Amino acid sequence: MARPKKENKVELMGIHEKLLINKFRPDTEIHIKVNLDACLVCKNKECTKFCPSRVFTWSEADDQLLVTYENCLECGACKSGCPYEAIEYKHPSGGYGVGQGI
């Protein structure tokens, strides 16, 4: 007699659930630097669209880019996404940044 097949059910975790298991330890040194002069001529504010953790937001009231580097997921998208190459990114110092169970 054949044994019934066991179903392997794998529950996939969505991106929001995955982000909740990450721990962030912000570096005391800013690891993202932006040439804000380039932001003034940028029409589409691409950085506010491609960053998955919304590090970059445009303030209409202040007419400037706001950078919340503490939210960074360290994906590096900002290095290649800015059409003006105005964003300088480096990984946070050792022991800082994103980790699990820090």
Protein backbone atom coordinates (compact mmCIF):
# COMPACT_ATOMS: atom_id res chain seq x y z
CA MET A 1 0.00 0.00 0.00
CA ALA A 2 1.39 3.40 -1.01
CA ARG A 3 1.85 5.99 1.68
CA PRO A 4 0.03 9.26 1.19
CA LYS A 5 2.32 12.05 0.04
CA LYS A 6 3.11 14.63 2.63
CA GLU A 7 2.49 18.16 1.50
CA ASN A 8 5.29 20.57 2.13
CA LYS A 9 3.72 23.92 2.77
CA VAL A 10 6.06 26.81 2.83
CA GLU A 11 4.67 30.11 3.95
CA LEU A 12 6.31 32.89 2.08
CA MET A 13 7.10 36.00 4.00
CA GLY A 14 6.32 39.34 2.40
CA ILE A 15 8.82 42.18 2.29
CA HIS A 16 7.18 44.01 5.18
CA GLU A 17 7.40 40.95 7.43
CA LYS A 18 11.03 40.43 6.43
CA LEU A 19 11.88 44.01 7.29
CA LEU A 20 10.41 43.56 10.75
CA ILE A 21 13.02 40.92 11.63
CA ASN A 22 15.88 43.27 10.75
CA LYS A 23 17.48 45.34 13.45
CA PHE A 24 19.03 48.70 12.71
CA ARG A 25 21.93 50.23 14.56
CA PRO A 26 22.50 53.67 13.04
CA ASP A 27 26.09 54.72 12.60
CA THR A 28 27.17 57.97 14.22
CA GLU A 29 28.80 58.94 10.91
CA ILE A 30 26.56 59.69 7.95
CA HIS A 31 27.23 57.12 5.21
CA ILE A 32 25.11 58.82 2.51
CA LYS A 33 26.15 62.23 1.23
CA VAL A 34 24.22 64.20 -1.36
CA ASN A 35 25.25 67.12 -3.54
CA LEU A 36 22.14 69.18 -2.82
CA ASP A 37 22.88 71.65 -5.63
CA ALA A 38 22.16 68.87 -8.14
CA CYS A 39 18.81 68.23 -6.46
CA LEU A 40 17.67 71.75 -7.26
CA VAL A 41 17.97 71.14 -11.01
CA CYS A 42 16.60 67.59 -10.88
CA LYS A 43 13.03 67.64 -12.18
CA ASN A 44 11.85 64.09 -11.40
CA LYS A 45 13.47 63.57 -7.97
CA GLU A 46 14.22 59.96 -8.93
CA CYS A 47 15.82 59.16 -5.57
CA THR A 48 12.46 59.63 -3.87
CA LYS A 49 11.09 56.84 -6.09
CA PHE A 50 13.76 54.14 -6.27
CA CYS A 51 14.85 53.91 -2.64
CA PRO A 52 12.93 51.00 -1.07
CA SER A 53 13.18 52.41 2.45
CA ARG A 54 12.35 56.00 1.53
CA VAL A 55 15.61 57.48 2.73
CA PHE A 56 15.08 60.41 0.36
CA THR A 57 12.08 62.76 0.50
CA TRP A 58 11.61 66.09 -1.20
CA SER A 59 10.40 68.97 0.96
CA GLU A 60 8.38 71.40 -1.14
CA ALA A 61 8.21 73.80 1.81
CA ASP A 62 12.01 73.94 2.19
CA ASP A 63 12.79 73.29 -1.50
CA GLN A 64 15.38 70.70 -0.55
CA LEU A 65 16.03 66.99 -0.32
CA LEU A 66 15.70 65.46 3.13
CA VAL A 67 17.93 62.45 3.79
CA THR A 68 17.04 60.05 6.60
CA TYR A 69 20.15 57.88 6.43
CA GLU A 70 19.11 55.94 9.53
CA ASN A 71 16.41 54.20 7.42
CA CYS A 72 18.91 52.86 4.90
CA LEU A 73 18.68 49.15 4.02
CA GLU A 74 22.16 49.27 2.45
CA CYS A 75 20.95 48.03 -0.94
CA GLY A 76 23.13 50.52 -2.82
CA ALA A 77 20.39 51.57 -5.25
CA CYS A 78 21.19 55.21 -4.60
CA LYS A 79 24.69 54.77 -6.04
CA SER A 80 23.35 54.05 -9.48
CA GLY A 81 19.86 55.57 -9.47
CA CYS A 82 20.63 59.28 -9.36
CA PRO A 83 20.78 60.67 -12.92
CA TYR A 84 23.16 63.40 -11.73
CA GLU A 85 25.42 61.04 -9.76
CA ALA A 86 24.89 63.36 -6.82
CA ILE A 87 24.58 60.65 -4.17
CA GLU A 88 27.73 59.27 -2.54
CA TYR A 89 27.13 56.03 -0.66
CA LYS A 90 29.44 53.90 1.45
CA HIS A 91 28.57 51.09 3.83
CA PRO A 92 28.24 52.05 7.50
CA SER A 93 31.18 51.39 9.82
CA GLY A 94 31.59 47.86 11.13
CA GLY A 95 28.96 46.89 13.67
CA TYR A 96 26.49 49.51 12.44
CA GLY A 97 23.69 49.42 9.92
CA VAL A 98 21.33 46.55 9.14
CA GLY A 99 21.62 43.18 10.82
CA GLN A 100 19.47 40.47 12.29
CA GLY A 101 19.25 40.29 16.03
CA ILE A 102 21.87 42.97 16.70
